Amino acid sequence: MPDQPHSPTADTADTDRPAPSAHGASPYRERLWVPLWWWPIGFAIAGLLAAEIHMGAPGLRAWLPYVLLAPVPVWILLWMSRHRLEVTVAPDGAAELRVDRAHLPVSFVARAAAVAPTAKSAALGRQLDPAAYVQHRAWIGPMALLVLDDPDDPTPYWLISTRRPDRVLAALGLPSAG
């Protein structure tokens, strides 16, 4: 699924977001990091691959695969952890949810609910609307569901991965229906 929704509430032209202070206070901020146990596995895979390459090269060239492949798992795991979720509040008191480059003013949200990890497969399965904006990370269990009430936007709802959906909804000032 694309990281960018096709909706009028998406900030598609702005690739360099201003600092959070430009949008106001940030009552909630989360970066969706990969689990810590993925790091040793990534280094082990890179080490095994380097050992395979090393087998045929004697001398100084034997260490070259280790040096060249060591940054690869770091880069991949940091790239997978690049997604951010933030709730900002403007000086006028209007809250806004930012998920990567997409943003959603809370005034367009009709209702919201926290999706438990046990209900995640149902929410992402046959019940998923193809027009929904989904920001899913498989390593994060719970999700937040934000049903939209915007006649100009064909997106019926947002379904986003977050470790603390209740805190996200509380920061947005929305009661959880779930």
Protein backbone atom coordinates (compact mmCIF):
# COMPACT_ATOMS: atom_id res chain seq x y z
CA MET A 1 0.00 0.00 0.00
CA PRO A 2 1.31 3.46 -0.72
CA ASP A 3 2.54 5.64 2.11
CA GLN A 4 0.69 8.55 0.57
CA PRO A 5 -3.11 8.73 0.54
CA HIS A 6 -5.04 10.14 -2.37
CA SER A 7 -7.12 12.55 -0.38
CA PRO A 8 -7.44 16.31 -0.12
CA THR A 9 -6.32 16.14 3.50
CA ALA A 10 -2.90 14.78 2.46
CA ASP A 11 0.07 17.10 2.42
CA THR A 12 1.51 15.71 -0.81
CA ALA A 13 3.42 18.75 -2.04
CA ASP A 14 5.30 19.46 1.19
CA THR A 15 8.14 16.98 1.61
CA ASP A 16 10.00 19.03 4.24
CA ARG A 17 7.61 19.43 7.13
CA PRO A 18 8.14 22.44 9.34
CA ALA A 19 9.22 21.86 12.89
CA PRO A 20 6.44 20.93 15.33
CA SER A 21 6.74 24.35 16.96
CA ALA A 22 5.50 25.90 13.71
CA HIS A 23 2.26 23.92 14.05
CA GLY A 24 1.88 24.43 17.80
CA ALA A 25 2.25 22.18 20.80
CA SER A 26 2.61 18.44 20.31
CA PRO A 27 0.70 16.52 23.00
CA TYR A 28 1.60 13.14 21.45
CA ARG A 29 4.49 11.97 19.29
CA GLU A 30 5.51 8.43 18.38
CA ARG A 31 8.06 6.90 16.07
CA LEU A 32 7.17 3.41 14.90
CA TRP A 33 10.48 1.63 15.56
CA VAL A 34 11.04 -1.99 14.60
CA PRO A 35 11.37 -4.39 17.56
CA LEU A 36 14.78 -4.55 19.24
CA TRP A 37 15.11 -8.28 18.60
CA TRP A 38 15.20 -7.60 14.84
CA TRP A 39 18.60 -5.90 15.16
CA PRO A 40 20.66 -8.99 16.14
CA ILE A 41 18.86 -11.01 13.48
CA GLY A 42 19.71 -8.39 10.85
CA PHE A 43 23.37 -8.38 11.85
CA ALA A 44 23.44 -12.20 11.88
CA ILE A 45 22.06 -12.35 8.34
CA ALA A 46 24.58 -9.75 7.16
CA GLY A 47 27.38 -11.68 8.92
CA LEU A 48 26.34 -14.96 7.29
CA LEU A 49 26.22 -13.35 3.88
CA ALA A 50 29.65 -11.77 4.45
CA ALA A 51 31.03 -15.15 5.57
CA GLU A 52 29.79 -16.72 2.34
CA ILE A 53 31.56 -14.06 0.30
CA HIS A 54 34.68 -14.26 2.54
CA MET A 55 35.18 -17.98 1.92
CA GLY A 56 36.78 -17.46 -1.46
CA ALA A 57 39.02 -14.47 -0.70
CA PRO A 58 42.29 -14.70 1.25
CA GLY A 59 44.18 -11.90 3.01
CA LEU A 60 42.91 -8.36 3.33
CA ARG A 61 40.04 -8.98 0.91
CA ALA A 62 38.59 -11.45 3.43
CA TRP A 63 37.41 -8.59 5.70
CA LEU A 64 35.98 -6.45 2.93
CA PRO A 65 32.53 -8.16 2.85
CA TYR A 66 32.13 -7.67 6.61
CA VAL A 67 32.96 -3.98 6.38
CA LEU A 68 30.70 -3.41 3.39
CA LEU A 69 27.72 -5.43 4.66
CA ALA A 70 27.73 -4.19 8.30
CA PRO A 71 25.84 -0.95 7.49
CA VAL A 72 23.20 -2.73 5.38
CA PRO A 73 21.03 -4.02 8.28
CA VAL A 74 21.38 -0.66 10.04
CA TRP A 75 20.16 1.18 6.96
CA ILE A 76 17.28 -1.28 6.32
CA LEU A 77 16.04 -1.29 9.93
CA LEU A 78 16.26 2.50 10.24
CA TRP A 79 14.42 2.86 6.93
CA MET A 80 11.67 0.55 8.20
CA SER A 81 11.46 2.66 11.39
CA ARG A 82 11.07 5.96 9.55
CA HIS A 83 7.33 6.33 10.13
CA ARG A 84 6.16 8.90 12.64
CA LEU A 85 2.82 9.67 14.16
CA GLU A 86 2.20 13.03 15.79
CA VAL A 87 -0.71 15.01 17.19
CA THR A 88 -0.27 18.76 16.97
CA VAL A 89 -2.43 21.51 18.40
CA ALA A 90 -2.54 24.88 16.65
CA PRO A 91 -2.65 28.11 18.64
CA ASP A 92 -6.40 28.32 17.96
CA GLY A 93 -6.85 24.94 19.73
CA ALA A 94 -7.53 22.81 16.62
CA ALA A 95 -5.87 19.41 16.86
CA GLU A 96 -4.40 17.65 13.86
CA LEU A 97 -3.09 14.13 13.34
CA ARG A 98 0.07 13.78 11.23
CA VAL A 99 1.13 10.37 9.96
CA ASP A 100 4.27 10.79 7.89
CA ARG A 101 3.36 13.41 5.26
CA ALA A 102 -0.41 12.94 5.55
CA HIS A 103 -2.38 15.08 7.97
CA LEU A 104 -5.92 14.99 9.25
CA PRO A 105 -7.62 17.86 11.10
CA VAL A 106 -9.71 16.55 13.98
CA SER A 107 -12.69 18.57 12.72
CA PHE A 108 -13.16 15.98 9.96
CA VAL A 109 -13.31 13.01 12.34
CA ALA A 110 -16.83 11.81 13.14
CA ARG A 111 -15.85 9.04 15.58
CA ALA A 112 -12.81 7.06 16.57
CA ALA A 113 -11.94 3.74 18.14
CA ALA A 114 -8.93 1.78 19.28
CA VAL A 115 -8.51 -1.50 17.40
CA ALA A 116 -7.14 -4.28 19.60
CA PRO A 117 -4.40 -6.56 18.23
CA THR A 118 -6.92 -9.43 18.25
CA ALA A 119 -9.27 -7.47 15.95
CA LYS A 120 -6.50 -6.26 13.63
CA SER A 121 -6.83 -9.09 11.12
CA ALA A 122 -10.58 -8.49 10.81
CA ALA A 123 -10.04 -4.74 10.31
CA LEU A 124 -7.42 -5.36 7.62
CA GLY A 125 -9.20 -8.32 6.03
CA ARG A 126 -12.55 -8.51 4.30
CA GLN A 127 -13.92 -5.57 6.28
CA LEU A 128 -11.31 -3.18 4.88
CA ASP A 129 -12.65 -0.53 2.54
CA PRO A 130 -10.32 -0.14 -0.48
CA ALA A 131 -10.68 3.64 -0.31
CA ALA A 132 -9.47 3.81 3.31
CA TYR A 133 -6.14 5.35 4.24
CA VAL A 134 -4.10 2.60 5.88
CA GLN A 135 -0.75 3.09 7.57
CA HIS A 136 -0.03 -0.44 8.76
CA ARG A 137 3.12 -1.75 10.41
CA ALA A 138 3.07 -5.51 10.95
CA TRP A 139 5.26 -5.37 14.07
CA ILE A 140 2.85 -3.08 15.92
CA GLY A 141 -0.20 -4.79 17.39
CA PRO A 142 -2.90 -2.17 18.10
CA MET A 143 -4.33 0.33 15.65
CA ALA A 144 -6.49 3.44 15.74
CA LEU A 145 -9.57 3.81 13.55
CA LEU A 146 -10.70 7.33 12.65
CA VAL A 147 -13.98 7.53 10.74
CA LEU A 148 -14.15 10.68 8.60
CA ASP A 149 -17.05 13.03 8.04
CA ASP A 150 -15.84 15.04 5.07
CA PRO A 151 -18.16 15.21 2.03
CA ASP A 152 -15.26 16.34 -0.22
CA ASP A 153 -13.00 13.42 0.68
CA PRO A 154 -13.68 9.92 -0.72
CA THR A 155 -11.63 8.37 2.11
CA PRO A 156 -14.12 6.79 4.54
CA TYR A 157 -11.67 6.28 7.41
CA TRP A 158 -8.06 6.16 8.51
CA LEU A 159 -6.61 2.99 10.00
CA ILE A 160 -3.18 3.60 11.51
CA SER A 161 -0.75 1.51 13.51
CA THR A 162 0.19 2.91 16.91
CA ARG A 163 1.45 1.35 20.11
CA ARG A 164 -0.87 3.50 22.25
CA PRO A 165 -4.15 4.16 20.40
CA ASP A 166 -5.92 5.41 23.53
CA ARG A 167 -3.28 8.08 24.06
CA VAL A 168 -3.54 9.15 20.41
CA LEU A 169 -7.31 9.50 20.67
CA ALA A 170 -7.02 11.34 23.99
CA ALA A 171 -4.47 13.76 22.50
CA LEU A 172 -6.89 14.40 19.64
CA GLY A 173 -9.69 15.02 22.15
CA LEU A 174 -11.78 12.15 20.77
CA PRO A 175 -13.58 9.60 22.94
CA SER A 176 -12.85 6.00 22.01
CA ALA A 177 -15.91 4.12 20.79
CA GLY A 178 -14.18 0.77 21.37
